[in-house]
PDB file of all heavy atoms in Angstrom:
ATOM      1  N   MET A   1      58.625  -8.609 -19.698  1.00  0.00           N
ATOM      2  CA  MET A   1      58.553  -7.170 -19.887  1.00  0.00           C
ATOM      3  C   MET A   1      57.172  -6.665 -20.087  1.00  0.00           C
ATOM      4  O   MET A   1      57.016  -5.541 -19.662  1.00  0.00           O
ATOM      5  CB  MET A   1      59.399  -6.936 -21.062  1.00  0.00           C
ATOM      6  CG  MET A   1      60.894  -6.982 -21.000  1.00  0.00           C
ATOM      7  SD  MET A   1      61.444  -5.555 -19.802  1.00  0.00           S
ATOM      8  CE  MET A   1      62.967  -6.148 -19.387  1.00  0.00           C
ATOM      9  N   ASP A   2      56.252  -7.449 -20.600  1.00  0.00           N
ATOM     10  CA  ASP A   2      54.866  -6.856 -20.698  1.00  0.00           C
ATOM     11  C   ASP A   2      53.962  -7.111 -19.477  1.00  0.00           C
ATOM     12  O   ASP A   2      52.775  -6.885 -19.537  1.00  0.00           O
ATOM     13  CB  ASP A   2      54.169  -7.515 -21.929  1.00  0.00           C
ATOM     14  CG  ASP A   2      54.147  -8.927 -21.999  1.00  0.00           C
ATOM     15  OD1 ASP A   2      54.593  -9.592 -20.928  1.00  0.00           O
ATOM     16  OD2 ASP A   2      53.566  -9.539 -22.903  1.00  0.00           O
ATOM     17  N   TYR A   3      54.631  -7.632 -18.340  1.00  0.00           N
ATOM     18  CA  TYR A   3      53.687  -7.834 -17.149  1.00  0.00           C
ATOM     19  C   TYR A   3      53.187  -6.499 -16.609  1.00  0.00           C
ATOM     20  O   TYR A   3      53.996  -5.634 -16.429  1.00  0.00           O
ATOM     21  CB  TYR A   3      54.418  -8.595 -16.227  1.00  0.00           C
ATOM     22  CG  TYR A   3      53.613  -8.947 -14.860  1.00  0.00           C
ATOM     23  CD1 TYR A   3      52.853  -9.996 -14.905  1.00  0.00           C
ATOM     24  CD2 TYR A   3      53.644  -8.101 -13.829  1.00  0.00           C
ATOM     25  CE1 TYR A   3      52.054 -10.290 -13.715  1.00  0.00           C
ATOM     26  CE2 TYR A   3      52.989  -8.582 -12.583  1.00  0.00           C
ATOM     27  CZ  TYR A   3      52.102  -9.579 -12.647  1.00  0.00           C
ATOM     28  OH  TYR A   3      51.324  -9.884 -11.599  1.00  0.00           O
ATOM     29  N   PRO A   4      51.985  -6.306 -16.365  1.00  0.00           N
ATOM     30  CA  PRO A   4      51.481  -4.980 -15.975  1.00  0.00           C
ATOM     31  C   PRO A   4      51.507  -4.910 -14.353  1.00  0.00           C
ATOM     32  O   PRO A   4      51.374  -5.849 -13.726  1.00  0.00           O
ATOM     33  CB  PRO A   4      49.905  -5.212 -16.269  1.00  0.00           C
ATOM     34  CG  PRO A   4      49.528  -6.533 -16.343  1.00  0.00           C
ATOM     35  CD  PRO A   4      50.783  -7.315 -16.706  1.00  0.00           C
ATOM     36  N   LEU A   5      52.004  -3.678 -13.983  1.00  0.00           N
ATOM     37  CA  LEU A   5      52.068  -3.305 -12.624  1.00  0.00           C
ATOM     38  C   LEU A   5      50.980  -2.434 -12.148  1.00  0.00           C
ATOM     39  O   LEU A   5      51.096  -1.125 -12.550  1.00  0.00           O
ATOM     40  CB  LEU A   5      53.537  -2.692 -12.349  1.00  0.00           C
ATOM     41  CG  LEU A   5      54.708  -3.468 -12.635  1.00  0.00           C
ATOM     42  CD1 LEU A   5      55.896  -2.609 -12.590  1.00  0.00           C
ATOM     43  CD2 LEU A   5      54.865  -4.734 -11.910  1.00  0.00           C
ATOM     44  N   PRO A   6      49.996  -2.890 -11.579  1.00  0.00           N
ATOM     45  CA  PRO A   6      48.746  -2.100 -11.208  1.00  0.00           C
ATOM     46  C   PRO A   6      48.968  -1.140 -10.071  1.00  0.00           C
ATOM     47  O   PRO A   6      49.700  -1.507  -9.133  1.00  0.00           O
ATOM     48  CB  PRO A   6      47.607  -3.114 -11.016  1.00  0.00           C
ATOM     49  CG  PRO A   6      48.467  -4.315 -10.353  1.00  0.00           C
ATOM     50  CD  PRO A   6      49.700  -4.229 -11.109  1.00  0.00           C
ATOM     51  N   PHE A   7      48.363  -0.056 -10.091  1.00  0.00           N
ATOM     52  CA  PHE A   7      48.404   0.955  -9.059  1.00  0.00           C
ATOM     53  C   PHE A   7      46.989   1.272  -8.481  1.00  0.00           C
ATOM     54  O   PHE A   7      46.706   2.416  -8.070  1.00  0.00           O
ATOM     55  CB  PHE A   7      49.140   2.099  -9.361  1.00  0.00           C
ATOM     56  CG  PHE A   7      50.520   2.017  -9.591  1.00  0.00           C
ATOM     57  CD1 PHE A   7      51.143   1.752 -10.805  1.00  0.00           C
ATOM     58  CD2 PHE A   7      51.455   2.231  -8.482  1.00  0.00           C
ATOM     59  CE1 PHE A   7      52.406   1.413 -11.025  1.00  0.00           C
ATOM     60  CE2 PHE A   7      52.852   2.068  -8.767  1.00  0.00           C
ATOM     61  CZ  PHE A   7      53.361   1.619  -9.958  1.00  0.00           C
ATOM     62  N   ALA A   8      46.043   0.252  -8.465  1.00  0.00           N
ATOM     63  CA  ALA A   8      44.770   0.482  -8.121  1.00  0.00           C
ATOM     64  C   ALA A   8      44.192   1.688  -8.839  1.00  0.00           C
ATOM     65  O   ALA A   8      44.236   1.849  -9.971  1.00  0.00           O
ATOM     66  CB  ALA A   8      44.652   0.626  -6.612  1.00  0.00           C
ATOM     67  N   ASP A   9      43.553   2.589  -8.030  1.00  0.00           N
ATOM     68  CA  ASP A   9      42.876   3.695  -8.792  1.00  0.00           C
ATOM     69  C   ASP A   9      43.725   5.046  -8.639  1.00  0.00           C
ATOM     70  O   ASP A   9      43.307   6.135  -8.877  1.00  0.00           O
ATOM     71  CB  ASP A   9      41.445   4.058  -8.093  1.00  0.00           C
ATOM     72  CG  ASP A   9      41.543   4.342  -6.684  1.00  0.00           C
ATOM     73  OD1 ASP A   9      42.618   3.930  -6.011  1.00  0.00           O
ATOM     74  OD2 ASP A   9      40.435   4.552  -6.091  1.00  0.00           O
ATOM     75  N   ARG A  10      44.907   4.859  -8.157  1.00  0.00           N
ATOM     76  CA  ARG A  10      45.848   5.940  -7.937  1.00  0.00           C
ATOM     77  C   ARG A  10      46.604   6.526  -9.115  1.00  0.00           C
ATOM     78  O   ARG A  10      46.771   7.688  -9.411  1.00  0.00           O
ATOM     79  CB  ARG A  10      46.732   5.755  -6.831  1.00  0.00           C
ATOM     80  CG  ARG A  10      46.043   5.838  -5.483  1.00  0.00           C
ATOM     81  CD  ARG A  10      46.863   5.174  -4.342  1.00  0.00           C
ATOM     82  NE  ARG A  10      46.218   5.407  -3.002  1.00  0.00           N
ATOM     83  CZ  ARG A  10      45.008   4.818  -2.587  1.00  0.00           C
ATOM     84  NH1 ARG A  10      44.348   4.055  -3.405  1.00  0.00           N
ATOM     85  NH2 ARG A  10      44.527   5.163  -1.511  1.00  0.00           N
ATOM     86  N   PHE A  11      47.078   5.525  -9.924  1.00  0.00           N
ATOM     87  CA  PHE A  11      47.884   5.836 -11.136  1.00  0.00           C
ATOM     88  C   PHE A  11      47.463   4.742 -12.181  1.00  0.00           C
ATOM     89  O   PHE A  11      47.031   3.803 -11.921  1.00  0.00           O
ATOM     90  CB  PHE A  11      49.190   5.825 -11.028  1.00  0.00           C
ATOM     91  CG  PHE A  11      49.791   6.677  -9.796  1.00  0.00           C
ATOM     92  CD1 PHE A  11      49.989   6.170  -8.499  1.00  0.00           C
ATOM     93  CD2 PHE A  11      49.985   8.065  -9.938  1.00  0.00           C
ATOM     94  CE1 PHE A  11      50.524   6.970  -7.473  1.00  0.00           C
ATOM     95  CE2 PHE A  11      50.432   8.849  -8.990  1.00  0.00           C
ATOM     96  CZ  PHE A  11      50.614   8.406  -7.709  1.00  0.00           C
ATOM     97  N   PRO A  12      47.660   5.099 -13.487  1.00  0.00           N
ATOM     98  CA  PRO A  12      47.540   4.164 -14.589  1.00  0.00           C
ATOM     99  C   PRO A  12      48.533   3.061 -14.441  1.00  0.00           C
ATOM    100  O   PRO A  12      49.718   3.120 -13.874  1.00  0.00           O
ATOM    101  CB  PRO A  12      47.811   4.904 -15.759  1.00  0.00           C
ATOM    102  CG  PRO A  12      47.679   6.326 -15.399  1.00  0.00           C
ATOM    103  CD  PRO A  12      48.048   6.437 -14.002  1.00  0.00           C
ATOM    104  N   SER A  13      48.078   1.826 -14.757  1.00  0.00           N
ATOM    105  CA  SER A  13      49.070   0.659 -14.767  1.00  0.00           C
ATOM    106  C   SER A  13      50.250   0.973 -15.648  1.00  0.00           C
ATOM    107  O   SER A  13      50.074   1.485 -16.762  1.00  0.00           O
ATOM    108  CB  SER A  13      48.282  -0.712 -15.189  1.00  0.00           C
ATOM    109  OG  SER A  13      47.364  -0.926 -14.082  1.00  0.00           O
ATOM    110  N   VAL A  14      51.372   0.283 -15.378  1.00  0.00           N
ATOM    111  CA  VAL A  14      52.435   0.419 -16.334  1.00  0.00           C
ATOM    112  C   VAL A  14      53.040  -1.076 -16.427  1.00  0.00           C
ATOM    113  O   VAL A  14      52.781  -1.996 -15.759  1.00  0.00           O
ATOM    114  CB  VAL A  14      53.590   1.296 -15.735  1.00  0.00           C
ATOM    115  CG1 VAL A  14      53.052   2.835 -15.588  1.00  0.00           C
ATOM    116  CG2 VAL A  14      54.083   0.691 -14.324  1.00  0.00           C
ATOM    117  N   THR A  15      53.838  -1.188 -17.573  1.00  0.00           N
ATOM    118  CA  THR A  15      54.533  -2.503 -17.660  1.00  0.00           C
ATOM    119  C   THR A  15      55.899  -2.527 -17.181  1.00  0.00           C
ATOM    120  O   THR A  15      56.446  -1.447 -16.789  1.00  0.00           O
ATOM    121  CB  THR A  15      54.632  -2.768 -19.277  1.00  0.00           C
ATOM    122  OG1 THR A  15      55.372  -1.852 -19.833  1.00  0.00           O
ATOM    123  CG2 THR A  15      53.305  -2.762 -19.881  1.00  0.00           C
ATOM    124  N   VAL A  16      56.346  -3.659 -16.804  1.00  0.00           N
ATOM    125  CA  VAL A  16      57.720  -3.784 -16.302  1.00  0.00           C
ATOM    126  C   VAL A  16      58.761  -3.123 -17.262  1.00  0.00           C
ATOM    127  O   VAL A  16      59.665  -2.392 -16.829  1.00  0.00           O
ATOM    128  CB  VAL A  16      58.126  -5.351 -16.108  1.00  0.00           C
ATOM    129  CG1 VAL A  16      59.549  -5.433 -15.895  1.00  0.00           C
ATOM    130  CG2 VAL A  16      57.304  -5.899 -14.981  1.00  0.00           C
ATOM    131  N   GLU A  17      58.507  -3.285 -18.589  1.00  0.00           N
ATOM    132  CA  GLU A  17      59.484  -2.696 -19.515  1.00  0.00           C
ATOM    133  C   GLU A  17      59.623  -1.243 -19.337  1.00  0.00           C
ATOM    134  O   GLU A  17      60.747  -0.676 -19.610  1.00  0.00           O
ATOM    135  CB  GLU A  17      59.013  -3.078 -20.878  1.00  0.00           C
ATOM    136  CG  GLU A  17      60.034  -2.563 -21.962  1.00  0.00           C
ATOM    137  CD  GLU A  17      59.552  -3.026 -23.364  1.00  0.00           C
ATOM    138  OE1 GLU A  17      58.406  -3.476 -23.616  1.00  0.00           O
ATOM    139  OE2 GLU A  17      60.342  -2.852 -24.421  1.00  0.00           O
ATOM    140  N   SER A  18      58.546  -0.569 -18.864  1.00  0.00           N
ATOM    141  CA  SER A  18      58.574   0.872 -18.878  1.00  0.00           C
ATOM    142  C   SER A  18      59.256   1.402 -17.584  1.00  0.00           C
ATOM    143  O   SER A  18      59.532   2.534 -17.264  1.00  0.00           O
ATOM    144  CB  SER A  18      57.236   1.569 -18.870  1.00  0.00           C
ATOM    145  OG  SER A  18      56.427   1.163 -17.677  1.00  0.00           O
ATOM    146  N   THR A  19      59.712   0.436 -16.677  1.00  0.00           N
ATOM    147  CA  THR A  19      60.332   0.757 -15.379  1.00  0.00           C
ATOM    148  C   THR A  19      61.834   0.550 -15.199  1.00  0.00           C
ATOM    149  O   THR A  19      62.441   0.951 -14.246  1.00  0.00           O
ATOM    150  CB  THR A  19      59.584   0.097 -14.207  1.00  0.00           C
ATOM    151  OG1 THR A  19      59.920  -1.333 -14.243  1.00  0.00           O
ATOM    152  CG2 THR A  19      58.096   0.226 -14.272  1.00  0.00           C
ATOM    153  N   VAL A  20      62.426  -0.284 -16.200  1.00  0.00           N
ATOM    154  CA  VAL A  20      63.756  -0.783 -15.992  1.00  0.00           C
ATOM    155  C   VAL A  20      64.825   0.138 -16.283  1.00  0.00           C
ATOM    156  O   VAL A  20      65.994  -0.040 -15.893  1.00  0.00           O
ATOM    157  CB  VAL A  20      64.062  -2.084 -16.818  1.00  0.00           C
ATOM    158  CG1 VAL A  20      63.026  -3.207 -16.239  1.00  0.00           C
ATOM    159  CG2 VAL A  20      63.784  -1.794 -18.265  1.00  0.00           C
ATOM    160  N   ASP A  21      64.513   1.308 -17.158  1.00  0.00           N
ATOM    161  CA  ASP A  21      65.596   2.185 -17.534  1.00  0.00           C
ATOM    162  C   ASP A  21      65.397   3.594 -16.886  1.00  0.00           C
ATOM    163  O   ASP A  21      64.432   4.212 -17.141  1.00  0.00           O
ATOM    164  CB  ASP A  21      65.486   2.373 -19.018  1.00  0.00           C
ATOM    165  CG  ASP A  21      66.771   3.135 -19.546  1.00  0.00           C
ATOM    166  OD1 ASP A  21      67.407   3.692 -18.796  1.00  0.00           O
ATOM    167  OD2 ASP A  21      66.918   3.198 -20.831  1.00  0.00           O
ATOM    168  N   THR A  22      66.185   3.809 -15.875  1.00  0.00           N
ATOM    169  CA  THR A  22      66.009   5.058 -15.029  1.00  0.00           C
ATOM    170  C   THR A  22      66.258   6.268 -15.880  1.00  0.00           C
ATOM    171  O   THR A  22      65.829   7.442 -15.460  1.00  0.00           O
ATOM    172  CB  THR A  22      66.897   5.115 -13.779  1.00  0.00           C
ATOM    173  OG1 THR A  22      68.308   5.259 -14.306  1.00  0.00           O
ATOM    174  CG2 THR A  22      66.688   3.866 -12.975  1.00  0.00           C
ATOM    175  N   ARG A  23      66.867   6.285 -17.115  1.00  0.00           N
ATOM    176  CA  ARG A  23      67.126   7.290 -18.021  1.00  0.00           C
ATOM    177  C   ARG A  23      66.048   7.771 -18.669  1.00  0.00           C
ATOM    178  O   ARG A  23      66.014   8.908 -19.251  1.00  0.00           O
ATOM    179  CB  ARG A  23      68.346   6.951 -18.879  1.00  0.00           C
ATOM    180  CG  ARG A  23      69.591   6.576 -18.228  1.00  0.00           C
ATOM    181  CD  ARG A  23      70.611   5.985 -19.210  1.00  0.00           C
ATOM    182  NE  ARG A  23      69.938   4.722 -19.943  1.00  0.00           N
ATOM    183  CZ  ARG A  23      70.525   4.026 -20.884  1.00  0.00           C
ATOM    184  NH1 ARG A  23      71.675   4.377 -21.331  1.00  0.00           N
ATOM    185  NH2 ARG A  23      69.892   3.063 -21.366  1.00  0.00           N
ATOM    186  N   ALA A  24      64.907   6.951 -18.872  1.00  0.00           N
ATOM    187  CA  ALA A  24      63.913   7.182 -19.731  1.00  0.00           C
ATOM    188  C   ALA A  24      62.806   7.999 -18.909  1.00  0.00           C
ATOM    189  O   ALA A  24      62.801   7.907 -17.694  1.00  0.00           O
ATOM    190  CB  ALA A  24      63.263   5.916 -20.209  1.00  0.00           C
ATOM    191  N   GLU A  25      61.880   8.618 -19.472  1.00  0.00           N
ATOM    192  CA  GLU A  25      60.780   9.309 -18.891  1.00  0.00           C
ATOM    193  C   GLU A  25      59.819   8.165 -18.362  1.00  0.00           C
ATOM    194  O   GLU A  25      59.708   7.207 -18.908  1.00  0.00           O
ATOM    195  CB  GLU A  25      59.998  10.102 -19.985  1.00  0.00           C
ATOM    196  CG  GLU A  25      60.716  11.371 -20.390  1.00  0.00           C
ATOM    197  CD  GLU A  25      59.876  12.264 -21.257  1.00  0.00           C
ATOM    198  OE1 GLU A  25      58.804  11.801 -21.555  1.00  0.00           O
ATOM    199  OE2 GLU A  25      60.490  13.421 -21.620  1.00  0.00           O
ATOM    200  N   PRO A  26      59.230   8.509 -17.301  1.00  0.00           N
ATOM    201  CA  PRO A  26      59.113   9.595 -16.592  1.00  0.00           C
ATOM    202  C   PRO A  26      60.187   9.803 -15.369  1.00  0.00           C
ATOM    203  O   PRO A  26      60.199  10.715 -14.644  1.00  0.00           O
ATOM    204  CB  PRO A  26      57.732   9.555 -15.848  1.00  0.00           C
ATOM    205  CG  PRO A  26      57.515   8.149 -15.582  1.00  0.00           C
ATOM    206  CD  PRO A  26      58.200   7.326 -16.688  1.00  0.00           C
ATOM    207  N   TYR A  27      61.234   8.963 -15.390  1.00  0.00           N
ATOM    208  CA  TYR A  27      62.152   8.845 -14.424  1.00  0.00           C
ATOM    209  C   TYR A  27      63.287   9.900 -14.499  1.00  0.00           C
ATOM    210  O   TYR A  27      63.452  10.873 -13.715  1.00  0.00           O
ATOM    211  CB  TYR A  27      62.641   7.485 -14.203  1.00  0.00           C
ATOM    212  CG  TYR A  27      61.638   6.475 -14.117  1.00  0.00           C
ATOM    213  CD1 TYR A  27      61.301   5.651 -15.221  1.00  0.00           C
ATOM    214  CD2 TYR A  27      60.822   6.377 -12.973  1.00  0.00           C
ATOM    215  CE1 TYR A  27      60.391   4.612 -15.147  1.00  0.00           C
ATOM    216  CE2 TYR A  27      59.717   5.427 -12.852  1.00  0.00           C
ATOM    217  CZ  TYR A  27      59.574   4.550 -13.965  1.00  0.00           C
ATOM    218  OH  TYR A  27      58.584   3.652 -13.817  1.00  0.00           O
ATOM    219  N   CYS A  28      64.066   9.653 -15.708  1.00  0.00           N
ATOM    220  CA  CYS A  28      65.011  10.736 -15.941  1.00  0.00           C
ATOM    221  C   CYS A  28      66.181  10.959 -14.992  1.00  0.00           C
ATOM    222  O   CYS A  28      66.293  12.023 -14.571  1.00  0.00           O
ATOM    223  CB  CYS A  28      64.399  12.040 -16.425  1.00  0.00           C
ATOM    224  SG  CYS A  28      63.213  11.862 -17.770  1.00  0.00           S
ATOM    225  N   TYR A  29      66.668   9.873 -14.437  1.00  0.00           N
ATOM    226  CA  TYR A  29      67.747   9.981 -13.377  1.00  0.00           C
ATOM    227  C   TYR A  29      68.683   8.915 -13.542  1.00  0.00           C
ATOM    228  O   TYR A  29      68.458   7.818 -14.201  1.00  0.00           O
ATOM    229  CB  TYR A  29      67.148   9.984 -11.989  1.00  0.00           C
ATOM    230  CG  TYR A  29      66.660   8.661 -11.484  1.00  0.00           C
ATOM    231  CD1 TYR A  29      67.518   7.771 -10.910  1.00  0.00           C
ATOM    232  CD2 TYR A  29      65.323   8.442 -11.601  1.00  0.00           C
ATOM    233  CE1 TYR A  29      67.037   6.569 -10.465  1.00  0.00           C
ATOM    234  CE2 TYR A  29      64.771   7.212 -11.182  1.00  0.00           C
ATOM    235  CZ  TYR A  29      65.633   6.327 -10.611  1.00  0.00           C
ATOM    236  OH  TYR A  29      65.295   4.999 -10.134  1.00  0.00           O
ATOM    237  N   THR A  30      69.949   9.165 -13.177  1.00  0.00           N
ATOM    238  CA  THR A  30      71.021   8.270 -12.972  1.00  0.00           C
ATOM    239  C   THR A  30      71.599   8.375 -11.735  1.00  0.00           C
ATOM    240  O   THR A  30      71.320   9.273 -10.903  1.00  0.00           O
ATOM    241  CB  THR A  30      72.126   8.443 -13.951  1.00  0.00           C
ATOM    242  OG1 THR A  30      72.751   9.532 -13.990  1.00  0.00           O
ATOM    243  CG2 THR A  30      71.499   8.156 -15.479  1.00  0.00           C
ATOM    244  N   TYR A  31      72.531   7.552 -11.239  1.00  0.00           N
ATOM    245  CA  TYR A  31      73.278   7.665  -9.985  1.00  0.00           C
ATOM    246  C   TYR A  31      74.684   7.939 -10.295  1.00  0.00           C
ATOM    247  O   TYR A  31      75.306   7.555 -11.294  1.00  0.00           O
ATOM    248  CB  TYR A  31      73.189   6.362  -9.235  1.00  0.00           C
ATOM    249  CG  TYR A  31      71.734   6.032  -8.624  1.00  0.00           C
ATOM    250  CD1 TYR A  31      70.807   5.205  -9.227  1.00  0.00           C
ATOM    251  CD2 TYR A  31      71.293   6.611  -7.431  1.00  0.00           C
ATOM    252  CE1 TYR A  31      69.666   4.867  -8.905  1.00  0.00           C
ATOM    253  CE2 TYR A  31      70.001   6.368  -6.995  1.00  0.00           C
ATOM    254  CZ  TYR A  31      69.275   5.506  -7.638  1.00  0.00           C
ATOM    255  OH  TYR A  31      68.095   5.171  -7.232  1.00  0.00           O
ATOM    256  N   ASP A  32      75.291   8.633  -9.202  1.00  0.00           N
ATOM    257  CA  ASP A  32      76.744   8.884  -9.231  1.00  0.00           C
ATOM    258  C   ASP A  32      77.497   7.630  -9.054  1.00  0.00           C
ATOM    259  O   ASP A  32      77.156   6.962  -8.029  1.00  0.00           O
ATOM    260  CB  ASP A  32      77.003   9.986  -8.204  1.00  0.00           C
ATOM    261  CG  ASP A  32      78.428  10.559  -8.311  1.00  0.00           C
ATOM    262  OD1 ASP A  32      79.215   9.908  -8.985  1.00  0.00           O
ATOM    263  OD2 ASP A  32      78.660  11.717  -7.728  1.00  0.00           O
ATOM    264  N   SER A  33      78.578   7.382  -9.796  1.00  0.00           N
ATOM    265  CA  SER A  33      79.341   6.141  -9.519  1.00  0.00           C
ATOM    266  C   SER A  33      80.630   6.477  -9.019  1.00  0.00           C
ATOM    267  O   SER A  33      81.574   5.539  -8.941  1.00  0.00           O
ATOM    268  CB  SER A  33      79.478   5.472 -10.938  1.00  0.00           C
ATOM    269  OG  SER A  33      80.107   6.359 -11.805  1.00  0.00           O
ATOM    270  N   SER A  34      80.821   7.683  -8.546  1.00  0.00           N
ATOM    271  CA  SER A  34      82.144   8.011  -7.902  1.00  0.00           C
ATOM    272  C   SER A  34      82.517   7.291  -6.536  1.00  0.00           C
ATOM    273  O   SER A  34      81.500   6.702  -5.983  1.00  0.00           O
ATOM    274  CB  SER A  34      82.277   9.432  -7.745  1.00  0.00           C
ATOM    275  OG  SER A  34      81.317   9.982  -6.625  1.00  0.00           O
TER     276      SER A  34
END
């Protein structure tokens, strides 16, 4: 979970933990399950 995901000089690095929940910021989305 604490593994860093680097984006070179384009964006700040983020951790895996910050990417796994699409409901959380900065993503704030879910999918339709119909």
